[in-house]
Amino acid sequence: MELPPLAELVSLKGKRSLITGAAAGIGKAIAYRFAEAGSTLDLVDINLEGLQRTRAELPPDTKVNLHQLDLCQRESIEALWDTLSGKEPDILVNNAGIYPFQNFLEVDDAFLQRIMDINLNCVFRMCQQMIRRRKGRGGVIINIGSIEAILPFAPDMVPYSVSKAGVIALTRSLAKEYGKDGFRVNVLVPGGIATEGTRDAARDAAGAGLRTGRDLLRRLPMGRGGQPDEVARMALVLASDLATYVHGASIPVDGGFLSA
């Protein structure tokens, strides 16, 4: 049997990708790698200035559309997909997320609802729209989880851990339910990745956040933190034909944290 060339397998030419949380960090890195691979991009974030900065740093020939969106709102998500009608993405990356620190006993309904809305509920709704609108055509869904969902490490992160555990459970359920309809659904599980968001969270938590960061580095077998691009490369693998038989998988990108 003649094997397809590697360049063809990794290419996303002719594909359209929707990436949430694309204004910074992992989402921005994924946008860059997908653009390099030839994909048309729909980039989503509530931070329009951040999206514009992302666009400015993409390869100059990238076809890209920016969508400023509050993913907490079901109506906003439905309106986005209505806008994309007839040009729905082949690839959906649910990357948007927040990770504020809060003592479990002090978590109120508003705090919990915001984390669940952004980290889990919007992922649920985006997947629902993707599958509903691409029924019969299939597609690729890549969700972004966290090591905290599998092995909680940082203090004061209970709501975050619960939300990301839900993302992993959602991924596995959708993989079982919709694999026969042509959808490939997987979840990346990053850990120890240095982004603007993790640095801001550590500053907000003052000394506790800094101590947690030092403890994390000591635990990592590789002895260093990861970079957003190291997650983006794995996202590209999952999005491409390199991963045609990878389905329902939870793939750590954590420097060995979960093995230590």
Protein backbone atom coordinates (compact mmCIF):
# COMPACT_ATOMS: atom_id res chain seq x y z
CA MET A 1 0.00 0.00 0.00
CA GLU A 2 1.34 3.40 -0.97
CA LEU A 3 1.55 5.71 2.04
CA PRO A 4 0.62 9.39 1.78
CA PRO A 5 3.57 11.78 2.16
CA LEU A 6 4.10 13.35 5.57
CA ALA A 7 3.58 16.89 4.25
CA GLU A 8 0.13 15.88 3.03
CA LEU A 9 -0.80 14.25 6.33
CA VAL A 10 0.06 17.28 8.43
CA SER A 11 -1.48 19.83 6.05
CA LEU A 12 -4.70 21.65 6.93
CA LYS A 13 -5.08 23.25 3.50
CA GLY A 14 -8.72 23.47 2.52
CA LYS A 15 -9.77 23.17 6.16
CA ARG A 16 -11.47 25.76 8.34
CA SER A 17 -10.68 25.90 12.07
CA LEU A 18 -12.55 27.65 14.87
CA ILE A 19 -10.41 28.34 17.95
CA THR A 20 -11.78 29.85 21.16
CA GLY A 21 -9.62 31.81 23.58
CA ALA A 22 -7.36 32.80 20.69
CA ALA A 23 -6.30 36.21 22.00
CA ALA A 24 -3.37 34.85 24.00
CA GLY A 25 -1.57 31.83 25.39
CA ILE A 26 -2.34 28.35 24.11
CA GLY A 27 -5.15 29.52 21.82
CA LYS A 28 -2.89 32.04 20.13
CA ALA A 29 -0.17 29.41 19.68
CA ILE A 30 -2.67 26.97 18.15
CA ALA A 31 -3.87 29.66 15.76
CA TYR A 32 -0.31 30.23 14.55
CA ARG A 33 0.46 26.54 13.96
CA PHE A 34 -2.87 25.91 12.22
CA ALA A 35 -2.24 28.94 10.00
CA GLU A 36 1.20 27.57 9.12
CA ALA A 37 -0.48 24.30 8.13
CA GLY A 38 -2.74 26.20 5.73
CA SER A 39 -6.05 26.39 7.60
CA THR A 40 -8.54 29.23 7.31
CA LEU A 41 -9.18 30.52 10.83
CA ASP A 42 -12.16 31.75 12.82
CA LEU A 43 -10.72 33.13 16.06
CA VAL A 44 -12.98 33.73 19.05
CA ASP A 45 -12.33 35.69 22.24
CA ILE A 46 -13.97 38.36 24.37
CA ASN A 47 -10.73 40.39 24.04
CA LEU A 48 -10.87 42.03 20.60
CA GLU A 49 -7.53 43.82 20.99
CA GLY A 50 -5.89 40.50 21.82
CA LEU A 51 -7.47 38.90 18.75
CA GLN A 52 -6.12 41.73 16.60
CA ARG A 53 -2.63 41.17 18.01
CA THR A 54 -2.93 37.46 17.24
CA ARG A 55 -3.96 38.23 13.66
CA ALA A 56 -1.02 40.61 13.24
CA GLU A 57 1.42 37.82 14.19
CA LEU A 58 0.03 35.16 11.85
CA PRO A 59 1.69 34.30 8.52
CA PRO A 60 0.75 37.09 6.07
CA ASP A 61 -1.25 34.87 3.72
CA THR A 62 -3.54 33.52 6.46
CA LYS A 63 -7.28 33.77 5.86
CA VAL A 64 -8.68 34.78 9.24
CA ASN A 65 -11.93 36.07 10.70
CA LEU A 66 -12.18 37.56 14.19
CA HIS A 67 -15.22 37.09 16.42
CA GLN A 68 -15.49 39.05 19.67
CA LEU A 69 -17.76 36.91 21.81
CA ASP A 70 -18.86 36.36 25.40
CA LEU A 71 -18.91 32.57 25.58
CA CYS A 72 -20.95 32.67 28.80
CA GLN A 73 -24.01 33.55 26.73
CA ARG A 74 -25.86 30.78 24.91
CA GLU A 75 -27.39 33.35 22.57
CA SER A 76 -23.95 34.63 21.55
CA ILE A 77 -22.80 31.10 20.70
CA GLU A 78 -25.91 30.44 18.63
CA ALA A 79 -25.46 33.77 16.81
CA LEU A 80 -21.84 32.89 16.02
CA TRP A 81 -22.83 29.58 14.44
CA ASP A 82 -25.63 31.29 12.51
CA THR A 83 -22.98 33.64 11.12
CA LEU A 84 -20.90 30.61 10.09
CA SER A 85 -23.83 28.87 8.39
CA GLY A 86 -22.63 27.35 5.13
CA LYS A 87 -19.00 27.74 6.15
CA GLU A 88 -18.93 25.75 9.38
CA PRO A 89 -15.46 24.79 10.61
CA ASP A 90 -13.99 21.37 9.89
CA ILE A 91 -12.04 21.66 13.15
CA LEU A 92 -13.20 23.04 16.49
CA VAL A 93 -10.73 23.80 19.29
CA ASN A 94 -12.36 24.60 22.63
CA ASN A 95 -9.51 26.34 24.40
CA ALA A 96 -11.13 29.27 26.24
CA GLY A 97 -10.90 28.97 30.01
CA ILE A 98 -10.26 30.79 33.28
CA TYR A 99 -8.54 29.64 36.47
CA PRO A 100 -9.12 32.00 39.38
CA PHE A 101 -8.07 30.91 42.85
CA GLN A 102 -10.74 30.81 45.58
CA ASN A 103 -10.96 28.98 48.88
CA PHE A 104 -13.58 26.23 48.54
CA LEU A 105 -15.53 27.39 51.60
CA GLU A 106 -15.76 30.91 50.19
CA VAL A 107 -17.00 29.97 46.71
CA ASP A 108 -20.40 31.56 46.09
CA ASP A 109 -22.94 30.86 43.36
CA ALA A 110 -21.75 33.67 41.08
CA PHE A 111 -18.11 32.55 41.23
CA LEU A 112 -19.01 28.91 40.58
CA GLN A 113 -21.39 29.77 37.76
CA ARG A 114 -18.81 31.90 35.94
CA ILE A 115 -16.18 29.15 36.02
CA MET A 116 -18.66 26.49 34.88
CA ASP A 117 -20.04 28.72 32.13
CA ILE A 118 -16.64 29.48 30.60
CA ASN A 119 -14.75 26.25 31.29
CA LEU A 120 -17.48 23.66 30.76
CA ASN A 121 -20.87 24.95 29.64
CA CYS A 122 -19.51 26.84 26.64
CA VAL A 123 -17.51 23.76 25.59
CA PHE A 124 -20.71 21.72 25.80
CA ARG A 125 -22.60 24.27 23.69
CA MET A 126 -19.85 24.68 21.11
CA CYS A 127 -19.61 20.90 20.67
CA GLN A 128 -23.39 20.70 20.40
CA GLN A 129 -23.44 23.29 17.64
CA MET A 130 -20.53 21.67 15.80
CA ILE A 131 -22.13 18.22 15.77
CA ARG A 132 -25.63 19.47 15.00
CA ARG A 133 -24.53 21.63 12.08
CA ARG A 134 -22.00 19.18 10.63
CA LYS A 135 -24.15 16.05 11.02
CA GLY A 136 -23.43 13.81 8.05
CA ARG A 137 -20.10 15.50 7.32
CA GLY A 138 -18.19 14.90 10.54
CA GLY A 139 -15.26 16.91 11.78
CA VAL A 140 -12.57 17.19 14.42
CA ILE A 141 -13.14 18.46 17.97
CA ILE A 142 -10.20 19.17 20.27
CA ASN A 143 -11.02 20.16 23.83
CA ILE A 144 -8.49 21.54 26.30
CA GLY A 145 -8.56 20.00 29.77
CA SER A 146 -6.04 20.26 32.60
CA ILE A 147 -3.88 18.10 34.82
CA GLU A 148 -5.92 19.54 37.72
CA ALA A 149 -8.87 17.44 36.54
CA ILE A 150 -6.89 14.24 37.01
CA LEU A 151 -4.49 15.01 39.84
CA PRO A 152 -5.38 18.22 41.73
CA PHE A 153 -2.21 20.00 42.79
CA ALA A 154 -2.75 23.73 43.24
CA PRO A 155 -4.69 24.91 46.31
CA ASP A 156 -7.97 26.80 46.04
CA MET A 157 -8.78 25.39 42.59
CA VAL A 158 -11.70 23.05 43.35
CA PRO A 159 -14.23 24.67 40.94
CA TYR A 160 -11.61 24.75 38.19
CA SER A 161 -10.74 21.08 38.70
CA VAL A 162 -14.41 20.11 38.60
CA SER A 163 -15.01 22.10 35.39
CA LYS A 164 -12.04 20.52 33.61
CA ALA A 165 -13.03 17.04 34.79
CA GLY A 166 -16.33 17.74 33.07
CA VAL A 167 -14.51 18.62 29.84
CA ILE A 168 -12.74 15.25 29.89
CA ALA A 169 -15.99 13.39 30.59
CA LEU A 170 -17.75 15.33 27.82
CA THR A 171 -14.99 14.44 25.37
CA ARG A 172 -15.17 10.74 26.12
CA SER A 173 -18.96 10.69 25.91
CA LEU A 174 -19.03 12.51 22.57
CA ALA A 175 -16.34 10.21 21.19
CA LYS A 176 -18.47 7.17 22.02
CA GLU A 177 -21.67 8.75 20.75
CA TYR A 178 -20.53 10.35 17.50
CA GLY A 179 -17.48 8.48 16.23
CA LYS A 180 -19.61 6.58 13.75
CA ASP A 181 -20.89 9.88 12.38
CA GLY A 182 -17.42 10.90 11.28
CA PHE A 183 -16.39 13.00 14.26
CA ARG A 184 -13.02 12.60 15.96
CA VAL A 185 -13.11 13.99 19.49
CA ASN A 186 -10.08 14.21 21.77
CA VAL A 187 -8.88 16.23 24.75
CA LEU A 188 -5.44 17.64 25.44
CA VAL A 189 -4.45 17.78 29.11
CA PRO A 190 -1.83 20.52 29.59
CA GLY A 191 0.07 21.14 32.80
CA GLY A 192 2.77 23.55 33.85
CA ILE A 193 2.36 25.73 30.75
CA ALA A 194 3.62 29.31 31.08
CA THR A 195 0.97 31.67 29.70
CA GLU A 196 -0.19 35.20 30.42
CA GLY A 197 -3.18 33.71 32.22
CA THR A 198 -1.20 31.45 34.54
CA ARG A 199 1.17 34.29 35.39
CA ASP A 200 -1.75 36.62 36.16
CA ALA A 201 -3.40 33.94 38.31
CA ALA A 202 -0.19 33.44 40.27
CA ARG A 203 0.13 37.19 40.87
CA ASP A 204 -3.49 37.39 42.01
CA ALA A 205 -2.86 34.58 44.50
CA ALA A 206 0.21 36.44 45.78
CA GLY A 207 2.59 34.27 47.80
CA ALA A 208 0.48 31.09 47.59
CA GLY A 209 0.53 31.17 43.78
CA LEU A 210 4.28 31.66 43.66
CA ARG A 211 4.86 28.79 46.10
CA THR A 212 2.61 26.54 44.03
CA GLY A 213 4.60 27.41 40.92
CA ARG A 214 7.88 26.51 42.61
CA ASP A 215 6.42 23.25 43.93
CA LEU A 216 5.16 22.39 40.44
CA LEU A 217 8.57 22.93 38.88
CA ARG A 218 10.20 20.70 41.50
CA ARG A 219 7.71 17.95 40.69
CA LEU A 220 8.17 18.06 36.91
CA PRO A 221 10.48 15.23 35.73
CA MET A 222 11.66 17.42 32.84
CA GLY A 223 12.69 20.12 35.31
CA ARG A 224 11.04 22.97 33.43
CA GLY A 225 7.67 24.41 32.57
CA GLY A 226 6.12 24.08 29.13
CA GLN A 227 5.42 26.65 26.44
CA PRO A 228 2.08 27.26 24.69
CA ASP A 229 3.60 26.17 21.38
CA GLU A 230 4.33 22.73 22.83
CA VAL A 231 0.58 22.27 23.33
CA ALA A 232 -0.15 23.78 19.92
CA ARG A 233 2.01 21.20 18.16
CA MET A 234 0.01 18.36 19.70
CA ALA A 235 -3.22 20.15 18.73
CA LEU A 236 -1.96 20.24 15.14
CA VAL A 237 -1.30 16.49 15.25
CA LEU A 238 -4.84 15.82 16.48
CA ALA A 239 -6.37 18.19 13.92
CA SER A 240 -4.50 16.65 11.00
CA ASP A 241 -4.57 13.30 9.22
CA LEU A 242 -1.61 12.25 11.33
CA ALA A 243 -4.22 11.28 13.92
CA THR A 244 -6.94 9.59 11.86
CA TYR A 245 -7.22 6.71 14.37
CA VAL A 246 -6.88 8.76 17.55
CA HIS A 247 -10.33 9.12 19.09
CA GLY A 248 -11.67 9.59 22.60
CA ALA A 249 -8.14 10.09 23.91
CA SER A 250 -6.95 12.22 26.81
CA ILE A 251 -3.41 13.24 25.91
CA PRO A 252 -1.21 14.86 28.60
CA VAL A 253 1.16 17.66 27.58
CA ASP A 254 2.60 18.14 31.04
CA GLY A 255 6.34 17.45 31.13
CA GLY A 256 5.65 14.17 32.91
CA PHE A 257 3.67 15.67 35.81
CA LEU A 258 1.01 12.94 35.87
CA SER A 259 3.70 10.24 35.85
CA ALA A 260 5.74 11.69 38.71
